[in-house]
Amino acid sequence: MFIRHRIQRHQSGFVLIELITVIAVIAILIALLLPAVQQAREAARRATCKNNLSQIGVALQNYQMAHMVLPPGTVNTQGPILNQPKGYHVSWVIQILPLLDERAAYLSYDFKFGVYAPINMKTANYFLPCLQCPSSASIGASYVGCHNDTEVPIDVDNNGVLFLNSSIREKDLKDGRSYTIFVGESNDGGFLSWTSGTSSTLRNMGTEINHVSPNQTAFNQGQRFNYNNQYRFGDGTDNLVDLFDGPDSSSEKSGSNTEKLTPEQRKLLLQVGGFSSSHTDGAHFCLGDGSVRYISQKTDFSILQNLANRHDSNLIGEY
């Protein structure tokens, strides 16, 4: 009797448990790799942000060498500045456009009219790459000038370097350039375009870095001035008389009606806000000597305020 033996063929391949193990190992490796990739990308974005601020710092230095003064933080006939689209409000950014290699943008702006006039809408909606931090999701300017060391309205008596009708000379920087903040980061970007010399391009050290800005409500309400990433400021004004009537009129246009601001509304629109960034635990600042430093939000608040004041004569040292 012959016994037939079956010859079993062994097929190569993964069994289920092996496949699950391989998938688990790959998932763990991806989980370990993603944070490293994100950190590398953020490092690259921070380097770009630092380079943007460095360009702005050099432009400010070149402006001062050419004119013997720093550009005014904002230009208007009266103060303090209300954060609303009414007034002349030419920002310091417009003044340094030729030094940022943006001469075409500078020539497109008509200085006979305010920043909210229809004739200047094209310039207001122009995208300036050097004003945008790659880590920020805001469409507004990521870099703002320092107008004061405490939370006060933008006015002619501020102790920063860029404020209402300012003309800071070298001898006015009594604390020294390397101990004076010129420009810092702003994560919310304001709401009135980089051409506007309001809280959209000026801030103070009245709050610690990356803390909630006191005028956050105003920023939220300001969305009505921006539709589909295009600034619109209502009817605007074409004559110089209305454009230069200044904020003392305490009114804002709503169609054909002129509504008087309540004391609370006026107080809110006078608030400016502090510095912030999309980076972790701090923000970049450009000092008067052109250097760019990443300052931690844990830095002693009194030191930050000393850096924001151009002439307090306080000794700072290392920070």
C-alpha atoms as a PDB file:
ATOM      1  CA  MET A   1       0.000   0.000   0.000  1.00  0.00           C
ATOM      2  CA  PHE A   2       1.394   3.311  -1.032  1.00  0.00           C
ATOM      3  CA  ILE A   3       0.832   6.310   1.144  1.00  0.00           C
ATOM      4  CA  ARG A   4       0.662   9.526  -0.699  1.00  0.00           C
ATOM      5  CA  HIS A   5       2.144  12.475   1.097  1.00  0.00           C
ATOM      6  CA  ARG A   6       0.952  15.931   0.296  1.00  0.00           C
ATOM      7  CA  ILE A   7       3.689  18.343  -0.405  1.00  0.00           C
ATOM      8  CA  GLN A   8       2.719  21.642   1.101  1.00  0.00           C
ATOM      9  CA  ARG A   9       4.061  24.746  -0.504  1.00  0.00           C
ATOM     10  CA  HIS A  10       4.993  27.566   1.842  1.00  0.00           C
ATOM     11  CA  GLN A  11       4.033  30.957   0.371  1.00  0.00           C
ATOM     12  CA  SER A  12       6.180  33.947   1.242  1.00  0.00           C
ATOM     13  CA  GLY A  13       4.563  37.146   2.685  1.00  0.00           C
ATOM     14  CA  PHE A  14       3.466  38.908   5.856  1.00  0.00           C
ATOM     15  CA  VAL A  15       1.014  37.455   8.240  1.00  0.00           C
ATOM     16  CA  LEU A  16      -1.448  39.839   9.885  1.00  0.00           C
ATOM     17  CA  ILE A  17       0.523  40.325  13.102  1.00  0.00           C
ATOM     18  CA  GLU A  18       3.672  41.184  11.162  1.00  0.00           C
ATOM     19  CA  LEU A  19       1.806  43.719   9.025  1.00  0.00           C
ATOM     20  CA  ILE A  20       0.329  45.387  12.092  1.00  0.00           C
ATOM     21  CA  THR A  21       3.772  45.555  13.699  1.00  0.00           C
ATOM     22  CA  VAL A  22       5.317  47.199  10.619  1.00  0.00           C
ATOM     23  CA  ILE A  23       2.491  49.753  10.445  1.00  0.00           C
ATOM     24  CA  ALA A  24       2.898  50.537  14.143  1.00  0.00           C
ATOM     25  CA  VAL A  25       6.659  51.058  13.758  1.00  0.00           C
ATOM     26  CA  ILE A  26       6.129  53.368  10.749  1.00  0.00           C
ATOM     27  CA  ALA A  27       3.495  55.338  12.662  1.00  0.00           C
ATOM     28  CA  ILE A  28       5.881  55.797  15.602  1.00  0.00           C
ATOM     29  CA  LEU A  29       8.668  56.960  13.296  1.00  0.00           C
ATOM     30  CA  ILE A  30       6.345  59.476  11.606  1.00  0.00           C
ATOM     31  CA  ALA A  31       5.174  60.735  14.999  1.00  0.00           C
ATOM     32  CA  LEU A  32       8.797  61.250  16.009  1.00  0.00           C
ATOM     33  CA  LEU A  33       9.721  62.861  12.700  1.00  0.00           C
ATOM     34  CA  LEU A  34       6.847  65.379  12.339  1.00  0.00           C
ATOM     35  CA  PRO A  35       7.795  67.567  15.324  1.00  0.00           C
ATOM     36  CA  ALA A  36      11.361  67.748  14.020  1.00  0.00           C
ATOM     37  CA  VAL A  37      10.118  68.789  10.568  1.00  0.00           C
ATOM     38  CA  GLN A  38       7.805  71.387  12.101  1.00  0.00           C
ATOM     39  CA  GLN A  39      10.632  72.748  14.239  1.00  0.00           C
ATOM     40  CA  ALA A  40      12.861  72.995  11.176  1.00  0.00           C
ATOM     41  CA  ARG A  41      10.140  74.856   9.266  1.00  0.00           C
ATOM     42  CA  GLU A  42       9.530  77.213  12.185  1.00  0.00           C
ATOM     43  CA  ALA A  43      13.268  77.871  12.444  1.00  0.00           C
ATOM     44  CA  ALA A  44      13.265  78.819   8.766  1.00  0.00           C
ATOM     45  CA  ARG A  45      10.239  81.083   9.261  1.00  0.00           C
ATOM     46  CA  ARG A  46      11.892  82.755  12.238  1.00  0.00           C
ATOM     47  CA  ALA A  47      15.009  83.365  10.168  1.00  0.00           C
ATOM     48  CA  THR A  48      12.887  85.011   7.456  1.00  0.00           C
ATOM     49  CA  CYS A  49      11.078  87.095  10.071  1.00  0.00           C
ATOM     50  CA  LYS A  50      14.405  88.240  11.507  1.00  0.00           C
ATOM     51  CA  ASN A  51      15.636  89.154   8.032  1.00  0.00           C
ATOM     52  CA  ASN A  52      12.476  91.218   7.378  1.00  0.00           C
ATOM     53  CA  LEU A  53      13.010  93.214  10.555  1.00  0.00           C
ATOM     54  CA  SER A  54      16.677  93.671   9.681  1.00  0.00           C
ATOM     55  CA  GLN A  55      15.686  95.203   6.318  1.00  0.00           C
ATOM     56  CA  ILE A  56      13.304  97.587   8.072  1.00  0.00           C
ATOM     57  CA  GLY A  57      16.017  98.551  10.558  1.00  0.00           C
ATOM     58  CA  VAL A  58      18.479  99.337   7.780  1.00  0.00           C
ATOM     59  CA  ALA A  59      15.820 101.382   5.954  1.00  0.00           C
ATOM     60  CA  LEU A  60      15.174 103.434   9.100  1.00  0.00           C
ATOM     61  CA  GLN A  61      18.900 104.062   9.534  1.00  0.00           C
ATOM     62  CA  ASN A  62      19.247 105.133   5.908  1.00  0.00           C
ATOM     63  CA  TYR A  63      16.258 107.461   6.272  1.00  0.00           C
ATOM     64  CA  GLN A  64      17.839 109.070   9.306  1.00  0.00           C
ATOM     65  CA  MET A  65      21.158 109.517   7.534  1.00  0.00           C
ATOM     66  CA  ALA A  66      19.393 111.155   4.579  1.00  0.00           C
ATOM     67  CA  HIS A  67      17.042 113.414   6.564  1.00  0.00           C
ATOM     68  CA  MET A  68      18.895 113.715   9.902  1.00  0.00           C
ATOM     69  CA  VAL A  69      15.715 112.542  11.679  1.00  0.00           C
ATOM     70  CA  LEU A  70      13.693 109.343  11.900  1.00  0.00           C
ATOM     71  CA  PRO A  71      10.404 109.337   9.962  1.00  0.00           C
ATOM     72  CA  PRO A  72       7.281 110.434  11.844  1.00  0.00           C
ATOM     73  CA  GLY A  73       5.334 107.505  13.248  1.00  0.00           C
ATOM     74  CA  THR A  74       2.149 109.034  11.867  1.00  0.00           C
ATOM     75  CA  VAL A  75       1.284 112.366  10.279  1.00  0.00           C
ATOM     76  CA  ASN A  76      -1.878 114.215  11.279  1.00  0.00           C
ATOM     77  CA  THR A  77      -2.783 117.799  12.137  1.00  0.00           C
ATOM     78  CA  GLN A  78      -4.295 116.941  15.515  1.00  0.00           C
ATOM     79  CA  GLY A  79      -3.993 114.298  18.187  1.00  0.00           C
ATOM     80  CA  PRO A  80      -4.416 111.998  19.872  1.00  0.00           C
ATOM     81  CA  ILE A  81      -4.961 109.435  17.121  1.00  0.00           C
ATOM     82  CA  LEU A  82      -8.234 107.515  17.009  1.00  0.00           C
ATOM     83  CA  ASN A  83      -8.047 104.042  15.481  1.00  0.00           C
ATOM     84  CA  GLN A  84     -10.698 104.683  12.872  1.00  0.00           C
ATOM     85  CA  PRO A  85     -10.538 105.406   9.110  1.00  0.00           C
ATOM     86  CA  LYS A  86     -10.801 109.172   9.415  1.00  0.00           C
ATOM     87  CA  GLY A  87      -7.875 111.586   9.157  1.00  0.00           C
ATOM     88  CA  TYR A  88      -4.632 111.968   7.226  1.00  0.00           C
ATOM     89  CA  HIS A  89      -2.758 109.242   9.199  1.00  0.00           C
ATOM     90  CA  VAL A  90       0.248 108.724   6.888  1.00  0.00           C
ATOM     91  CA  SER A  91       2.307 105.953   8.504  1.00  0.00           C
ATOM     92  CA  TRP A  92       6.072 105.704   8.951  1.00  0.00           C
ATOM     93  CA  VAL A  93       6.098 102.711   6.586  1.00  0.00           C
ATOM     94  CA  ILE A  94       5.095 104.895   3.633  1.00  0.00           C
ATOM     95  CA  GLN A  95       8.036 107.205   4.334  1.00  0.00           C
ATOM     96  CA  ILE A  96      10.651 104.433   4.035  1.00  0.00           C
ATOM     97  CA  LEU A  97       9.200 102.620   0.997  1.00  0.00           C
ATOM     98  CA  PRO A  98      11.980 103.785  -1.400  1.00  0.00           C
ATOM     99  CA  LEU A  99      14.562 102.439   1.063  1.00  0.00           C
ATOM    100  CA  LEU A 100      12.799  99.064   1.068  1.00  0.00           C
ATOM    101  CA  ASP A 101      13.159  98.876  -2.715  1.00  0.00           C
ATOM    102  CA  GLU A 102       9.436  99.640  -3.073  1.00  0.00           C
ATOM    103  CA  ARG A 103       9.724 102.892  -5.001  1.00  0.00           C
ATOM    104  CA  ALA A 104       6.784 102.031  -7.260  1.00  0.00           C
ATOM    105  CA  ALA A 105       4.529 101.670  -4.205  1.00  0.00           C
ATOM    106  CA  TYR A 106       5.819 105.001  -2.884  1.00  0.00           C
ATOM    107  CA  LEU A 107       5.093 106.773  -6.175  1.00  0.00           C
ATOM    108  CA  SER A 108       1.606 105.233  -6.315  1.00  0.00           C
ATOM    109  CA  TYR A 109       0.621 107.040  -3.121  1.00  0.00           C
ATOM    110  CA  ASP A 110      -0.852 110.532  -3.438  1.00  0.00           C
ATOM    111  CA  PHE A 111       0.233 112.624  -0.433  1.00  0.00           C
ATOM    112  CA  LYS A 112      -2.390 115.268  -1.219  1.00  0.00           C
ATOM    113  CA  PHE A 113      -4.975 112.935   0.283  1.00  0.00           C
ATOM    114  CA  GLY A 114      -5.252 110.824   3.420  1.00  0.00           C
ATOM    115  CA  VAL A 115      -4.636 107.092   3.561  1.00  0.00           C
ATOM    116  CA  TYR A 116      -8.378 106.317   3.491  1.00  0.00           C
ATOM    117  CA  ALA A 117      -9.167 108.287   0.336  1.00  0.00           C
ATOM    118  CA  PRO A 118     -10.342 106.197  -2.648  1.00  0.00           C
ATOM    119  CA  ILE A 119      -7.388 107.422  -4.710  1.00  0.00           C
ATOM    120  CA  ASN A 120      -5.015 105.648  -2.282  1.00  0.00           C
ATOM    121  CA  MET A 121      -6.950 102.392  -1.966  1.00  0.00           C
ATOM    122  CA  LYS A 122      -4.685 100.629  -4.455  1.00  0.00           C
ATOM    123  CA  THR A 123      -1.637 101.420  -2.349  1.00  0.00           C
ATOM    124  CA  ALA A 124      -3.426 100.432   0.873  1.00  0.00           C
ATOM    125  CA  ASN A 125      -4.184  97.004  -0.598  1.00  0.00           C
ATOM    126  CA  TYR A 126      -0.684  96.471  -1.966  1.00  0.00           C
ATOM    127  CA  PHE A 127       1.058  93.490  -0.355  1.00  0.00           C
ATOM    128  CA  LEU A 128       4.487  94.238   1.097  1.00  0.00           C
ATOM    129  CA  PRO A 129       6.377  90.941   1.579  1.00  0.00           C
ATOM    130  CA  CYS A 130       8.871  92.517   3.980  1.00  0.00           C
ATOM    131  CA  LEU A 131       5.996  93.464   6.324  1.00  0.00           C
ATOM    132  CA  GLN A 132       4.645  89.928   6.622  1.00  0.00           C
ATOM    133  CA  CYS A 133       5.968  87.377   9.112  1.00  0.00           C
ATOM    134  CA  PRO A 134       5.716  83.895   7.514  1.00  0.00           C
ATOM    135  CA  SER A 135       4.477  82.443  10.822  1.00  0.00           C
ATOM    136  CA  SER A 136       1.569  84.882  11.055  1.00  0.00           C
ATOM    137  CA  ALA A 137      -1.861  84.154   9.620  1.00  0.00           C
ATOM    138  CA  SER A 138      -2.899  87.811   9.809  1.00  0.00           C
ATOM    139  CA  ILE A 139      -3.113  89.819   6.582  1.00  0.00           C
ATOM    140  CA  GLY A 140      -2.103  93.032   8.342  1.00  0.00           C
ATOM    141  CA  ALA A 141       1.391  94.334   9.007  1.00  0.00           C
ATOM    142  CA  SER A 142       3.433  92.005  11.206  1.00  0.00           C
ATOM    143  CA  TYR A 143       5.911  94.735  12.191  1.00  0.00           C
ATOM    144  CA  VAL A 144       4.971  97.895  14.069  1.00  0.00           C
ATOM    145  CA  GLY A 145       6.867 100.881  15.426  1.00  0.00           C
ATOM    146  CA  CYS A 146       7.230 101.597  19.142  1.00  0.00           C
ATOM    147  CA  HIS A 147       5.494 104.820  20.212  1.00  0.00           C
ATOM    148  CA  ASN A 148       5.597 104.589  24.033  1.00  0.00           C
ATOM    149  CA  ASP A 149       6.578 102.480  27.026  1.00  0.00           C
ATOM    150  CA  THR A 150       3.071 102.432  28.551  1.00  0.00           C
ATOM    151  CA  GLU A 151      -0.468 102.154  27.212  1.00  0.00           C
ATOM    152  CA  VAL A 152      -1.336 105.702  26.151  1.00  0.00           C
ATOM    153  CA  PRO A 153      -2.882 107.121  22.958  1.00  0.00           C
ATOM    154  CA  ILE A 154      -0.626 107.935  20.019  1.00  0.00           C
ATOM    155  CA  ASP A 155       0.232 111.607  20.480  1.00  0.00           C
ATOM    156  CA  VAL A 156       2.986 114.213  20.128  1.00  0.00           C
ATOM    157  CA  ASP A 157       4.409 113.657  23.635  1.00  0.00           C
ATOM    158  CA  ASN A 158       5.088 109.899  23.489  1.00  0.00           C
ATOM    159  CA  ASN A 159       8.488 108.659  24.663  1.00  0.00           C
ATOM    160  CA  GLY A 160       9.133 106.061  21.967  1.00  0.00           C
ATOM    161  CA  VAL A 161      10.780 106.808  18.617  1.00  0.00           C
ATOM    162  CA  LEU A 162       7.822 106.674  16.210  1.00  0.00           C
ATOM    163  CA  PHE A 163       4.728 108.657  17.213  1.00  0.00           C
ATOM    164  CA  LEU A 164       2.473 111.523  16.079  1.00  0.00           C
ATOM    165  CA  ASN A 165       4.433 114.031  13.955  1.00  0.00           C
ATOM    166  CA  SER A 166       7.693 112.828  15.507  1.00  0.00           C
ATOM    167  CA  SER A 167      11.117 113.871  14.230  1.00  0.00           C
ATOM    168  CA  ILE A 168      13.592 112.032  16.451  1.00  0.00           C
ATOM    169  CA  ARG A 169      17.229 113.032  15.991  1.00  0.00           C
ATOM    170  CA  GLU A 170      20.362 111.194  17.058  1.00  0.00           C
ATOM    171  CA  LYS A 171      20.757 113.298  20.198  1.00  0.00           C
ATOM    172  CA  ASP A 172      17.192 112.424  21.245  1.00  0.00           C
ATOM    173  CA  LEU A 173      18.181 108.763  21.633  1.00  0.00           C
ATOM    174  CA  LYS A 174      19.695 109.373  25.063  1.00  0.00           C
ATOM    175  CA  ASP A 175      19.630 105.730  26.128  1.00  0.00           C
ATOM    176  CA  GLY A 176      21.662 104.653  23.113  1.00  0.00           C
ATOM    177  CA  ARG A 177      20.552 102.869  19.979  1.00  0.00           C
ATOM    178  CA  SER A 178      21.321  99.378  21.236  1.00  0.00           C
ATOM    179  CA  TYR A 179      19.015  99.923  24.230  1.00  0.00           C
ATOM    180  CA  THR A 180      16.049 101.384  22.349  1.00  0.00           C
ATOM    181  CA  ILE A 181      13.336  99.429  20.522  1.00  0.00           C
ATOM    182  CA  PHE A 182      12.448 100.837  17.120  1.00  0.00           C
ATOM    183  CA  VAL A 183      10.183  98.134  15.655  1.00  0.00           C
ATOM    184  CA  GLY A 184       8.644  94.924  16.971  1.00  0.00           C
ATOM    185  CA  GLU A 185       6.224  92.200  15.982  1.00  0.00           C
ATOM    186  CA  SER A 186       2.442  92.355  16.024  1.00  0.00           C
ATOM    187  CA  ASN A 187       0.490  89.150  15.562  1.00  0.00           C
ATOM    188  CA  ASP A 188      -2.984  90.671  15.112  1.00  0.00           C
ATOM    189  CA  GLY A 189      -1.874  93.105  12.388  1.00  0.00           C
ATOM    190  CA  GLY A 190      -4.408  95.820  13.195  1.00  0.00           C
ATOM    191  CA  PHE A 191      -7.226  96.423  10.737  1.00  0.00           C
ATOM    192  CA  LEU A 192      -6.541  99.662   8.832  1.00  0.00           C
ATOM    193  CA  SER A 193      -3.727  98.644   6.438  1.00  0.00           C
ATOM    194  CA  TRP A 194       0.023  99.261   6.688  1.00  0.00           C
ATOM    195  CA  THR A 195      -0.493 102.753   5.242  1.00  0.00           C
ATOM    196  CA  SER A 196      -2.409 103.841   8.355  1.00  0.00           C
ATOM    197  CA  GLY A 197      -0.472 105.466  11.189  1.00  0.00           C
ATOM    198  CA  THR A 198      -2.692 104.002  13.877  1.00  0.00           C
ATOM    199  CA  SER A 199      -2.506 100.820  15.943  1.00  0.00           C
ATOM    200  CA  SER A 200      -2.060  99.034  12.607  1.00  0.00           C
ATOM    201  CA  THR A 201       1.570 100.223  12.460  1.00  0.00           C
ATOM    202  CA  LEU A 202       2.294 101.511  15.990  1.00  0.00           C
ATOM    203  CA  ARG A 203       2.289  99.786  19.388  1.00  0.00           C
ATOM    204  CA  ASN A 204       3.567 100.290  22.934  1.00  0.00           C
ATOM    205  CA  MET A 205       4.978  98.275  25.827  1.00  0.00           C
ATOM    206  CA  GLY A 206       1.946  98.797  28.025  1.00  0.00           C
ATOM    207  CA  THR A 207       1.361  95.039  28.103  1.00  0.00           C
ATOM    208  CA  GLU A 208       3.788  92.149  28.301  1.00  0.00           C
ATOM    209  CA  ILE A 209       4.811  90.365  25.102  1.00  0.00           C
ATOM    210  CA  ASN A 210       2.155  88.006  23.706  1.00  0.00           C
ATOM    211  CA  HIS A 211      -0.462  89.120  26.248  1.00  0.00           C
ATOM    212  CA  VAL A 212      -3.980  89.967  25.084  1.00  0.00           C
ATOM    213  CA  SER A 213      -4.091  93.444  23.594  1.00  0.00           C
ATOM    214  CA  PRO A 214      -6.429  95.869  25.399  1.00  0.00           C
ATOM    215  CA  ASN A 215      -7.970  96.947  22.101  1.00  0.00           C
ATOM    216  CA  GLN A 216      -8.858  93.444  20.942  1.00  0.00           C
ATOM    217  CA  THR A 217     -12.547  94.403  20.789  1.00  0.00           C
ATOM    218  CA  ALA A 218     -11.734  97.227  18.403  1.00  0.00           C
ATOM    219  CA  PHE A 219      -9.772  94.829  16.211  1.00  0.00           C
ATOM    220  CA  ASN A 220     -12.686  92.404  16.087  1.00  0.00           C
ATOM    221  CA  GLN A 221     -15.065  95.202  15.128  1.00  0.00           C
ATOM    222  CA  GLY A 222     -12.588  96.388  12.506  1.00  0.00           C
ATOM    223  CA  GLN A 223     -13.359  93.415  10.266  1.00  0.00           C
ATOM    224  CA  ARG A 224     -15.998  95.576   8.589  1.00  0.00           C
ATOM    225  CA  PHE A 225     -13.160  97.511   6.921  1.00  0.00           C
ATOM    226  CA  ASN A 226     -11.796  94.428   5.210  1.00  0.00           C
ATOM    227  CA  TYR A 227     -13.643  92.236   2.711  1.00  0.00           C
ATOM    228  CA  ASN A 228     -11.965  89.342   0.912  1.00  0.00           C
ATOM    229  CA  ASN A 229      -8.538  90.678   1.968  1.00  0.00           C
ATOM    230  CA  GLN A 230      -9.305  94.055   0.392  1.00  0.00           C
ATOM    231  CA  TYR A 231      -9.506  97.204   2.510  1.00  0.00           C
ATOM    232  CA  ARG A 232     -12.613  99.311   2.048  1.00  0.00           C
ATOM    233  CA  PHE A 233     -13.160 102.433   4.139  1.00  0.00           C
ATOM    234  CA  GLY A 234     -16.685 103.379   3.126  1.00  0.00           C
ATOM    235  CA  ASP A 235     -17.367 106.512   1.103  1.00  0.00           C
ATOM    236  CA  GLY A 236     -13.972 108.087   1.792  1.00  0.00           C
ATOM    237  CA  THR A 237     -13.331 111.789   1.312  1.00  0.00           C
ATOM    238  CA  ASP A 238     -11.866 113.615  -1.653  1.00  0.00           C
ATOM    239  CA  ASN A 239     -11.285 117.081  -0.242  1.00  0.00           C
ATOM    240  CA  LEU A 240      -8.443 118.118   2.032  1.00  0.00           C
ATOM    241  CA  VAL A 241     -10.685 120.044   4.440  1.00  0.00           C
ATOM    242  CA  ASP A 242     -12.497 116.905   5.594  1.00  0.00           C
ATOM    243  CA  LEU A 243      -9.354 114.802   5.559  1.00  0.00           C
ATOM    244  CA  PHE A 244      -7.519 117.191   7.870  1.00  0.00           C
ATOM    245  CA  ASP A 245     -10.353 117.839  10.298  1.00  0.00           C
ATOM    246  CA  GLY A 246      -8.617 115.476  12.707  1.00  0.00           C
ATOM    247  CA  PRO A 247      -9.918 113.165  15.410  1.00  0.00           C
ATOM    248  CA  ASP A 248     -11.251 115.974  17.601  1.00  0.00           C
ATOM    249  CA  SER A 249     -14.432 115.899  15.553  1.00  0.00           C
ATOM    250  CA  SER A 250     -15.199 112.650  17.414  1.00  0.00           C
ATOM    251  CA  SER A 251     -17.330 111.352  14.592  1.00  0.00           C
ATOM    252  CA  GLU A 252     -17.325 108.617  12.029  1.00  0.00           C
ATOM    253  CA  LYS A 253     -19.186 108.307   8.780  1.00  0.00           C
ATOM    254  CA  SER A 254     -21.962 105.796   8.448  1.00  0.00           C
ATOM    255  CA  GLY A 255     -23.414 106.277   4.995  1.00  0.00           C
ATOM    256  CA  SER A 256     -24.781 109.805   4.878  1.00  0.00           C
ATOM    257  CA  ASN A 257     -25.246 110.072   8.653  1.00  0.00           C
ATOM    258  CA  THR A 258     -22.683 111.353  11.124  1.00  0.00           C
ATOM    259  CA  GLU A 259     -22.849 109.557  14.466  1.00  0.00           C
ATOM    260  CA  LYS A 260     -21.261 110.969  17.597  1.00  0.00           C
ATOM    261  CA  LEU A 261     -18.958 108.670  19.512  1.00  0.00           C
ATOM    262  CA  THR A 262     -19.829 107.869  23.100  1.00  0.00           C
ATOM    263  CA  PRO A 263     -17.086 108.342  25.735  1.00  0.00           C
ATOM    264  CA  GLU A 264     -16.630 104.559  25.920  1.00  0.00           C
ATOM    265  CA  GLN A 265     -16.305 104.246  22.143  1.00  0.00           C
ATOM    266  CA  ARG A 266     -13.787 107.070  22.039  1.00  0.00           C
ATOM    267  CA  LYS A 267     -11.790 105.517  24.884  1.00  0.00           C
ATOM    268  CA  LEU A 268     -11.717 102.199  23.044  1.00  0.00           C
ATOM    269  CA  LEU A 269     -10.572 103.786  19.779  1.00  0.00           C
ATOM    270  CA  LEU A 270      -7.757 105.598  21.594  1.00  0.00           C
ATOM    271  CA  GLN A 271      -6.256 102.350  22.874  1.00  0.00           C
ATOM    272  CA  VAL A 272      -3.275 101.065  20.944  1.00  0.00           C
ATOM    273  CA  GLY A 273      -2.078  97.712  22.311  1.00  0.00           C
ATOM    274  CA  GLY A 274       1.188  95.855  22.761  1.00  0.00           C
ATOM    275  CA  PHE A 275       3.587  93.594  20.884  1.00  0.00           C
ATOM    276  CA  SER A 276       2.930  89.949  20.057  1.00  0.00           C
ATOM    277  CA  SER A 277       4.016  87.242  17.633  1.00  0.00           C
ATOM    278  CA  SER A 278       3.155  83.801  16.291  1.00  0.00           C
ATOM    279  CA  HIS A 279       6.468  82.461  17.560  1.00  0.00           C
ATOM    280  CA  THR A 280       6.837  80.523  20.793  1.00  0.00           C
ATOM    281  CA  ASP A 281       7.458  82.353  24.077  1.00  0.00           C
ATOM    282  CA  GLY A 282       8.573  85.691  22.667  1.00  0.00           C
ATOM    283  CA  ALA A 283       8.897  88.021  19.696  1.00  0.00           C
ATOM    284  CA  HIS A 284      11.502  89.650  17.464  1.00  0.00           C
ATOM    285  CA  PHE A 285      12.473  93.285  17.982  1.00  0.00           C
ATOM    286  CA  CYS A 286      14.644  95.596  15.898  1.00  0.00           C
ATOM    287  CA  LEU A 287      16.778  97.902  18.028  1.00  0.00           C
ATOM    288  CA  GLY A 288      18.104 101.297  17.037  1.00  0.00           C
ATOM    289  CA  ASP A 289      21.526  99.958  16.088  1.00  0.00           C
ATOM    290  CA  GLY A 290      19.936  97.762  13.420  1.00  0.00           C
ATOM    291  CA  SER A 291      20.323  94.514  15.365  1.00  0.00           C
ATOM    292  CA  VAL A 292      17.375  92.134  15.673  1.00  0.00           C
ATOM    293  CA  ARG A 293      16.875  90.274  18.935  1.00  0.00           C
ATOM    294  CA  TYR A 294      14.414  87.587  19.942  1.00  0.00           C
ATOM    295  CA  ILE A 295      13.182  88.723  23.355  1.00  0.00           C
ATOM    296  CA  SER A 296      11.468  86.216  25.623  1.00  0.00           C
ATOM    297  CA  GLN A 297       8.035  87.027  26.982  1.00  0.00           C
ATOM    298  CA  LYS A 298       9.425  86.022  30.378  1.00  0.00           C
ATOM    299  CA  THR A 299      11.839  88.964  30.363  1.00  0.00           C
ATOM    300  CA  ASP A 300      11.380  91.305  33.301  1.00  0.00           C
ATOM    301  CA  PHE A 301       8.595  93.729  32.378  1.00  0.00           C
ATOM    302  CA  SER A 302      10.460  96.773  33.693  1.00  0.00           C
ATOM    303  CA  ILE A 303      13.339  95.992  31.308  1.00  0.00           C
ATOM    304  CA  LEU A 304      10.925  95.809  28.381  1.00  0.00           C
ATOM    305  CA  GLN A 305       9.496  99.196  29.297  1.00  0.00           C
ATOM    306  CA  ASN A 306      13.005 100.659  29.603  1.00  0.00           C
ATOM    307  CA  LEU A 307      13.779  99.413  26.091  1.00  0.00           C
ATOM    308  CA  ALA A 308      10.606 101.073  24.769  1.00  0.00           C
ATOM    309  CA  ASN A 309      11.564 104.459  26.261  1.00  0.00           C
ATOM    310  CA  ARG A 310      14.185 106.391  24.295  1.00  0.00           C
ATOM    311  CA  HIS A 311      15.344 108.664  27.127  1.00  0.00           C
ATOM    312  CA  ASP A 312      14.571 107.266  30.597  1.00  0.00           C
ATOM    313  CA  SER A 313      18.331 106.980  31.387  1.00  0.00           C
ATOM    314  CA  ASN A 314      17.839 103.664  33.202  1.00  0.00           C
ATOM    315  CA  LEU A 315      20.700 101.169  33.110  1.00  0.00           C
ATOM    316  CA  ILE A 316      19.589  97.875  31.579  1.00  0.00           C
ATOM    317  CA  GLY A 317      22.611  95.606  31.182  1.00  0.00           C
ATOM    318  CA  GLU A 318      22.140  92.052  29.954  1.00  0.00           C
ATOM    319  CA  TYR A 319      18.616  90.729  29.415  1.00  0.00           C
END
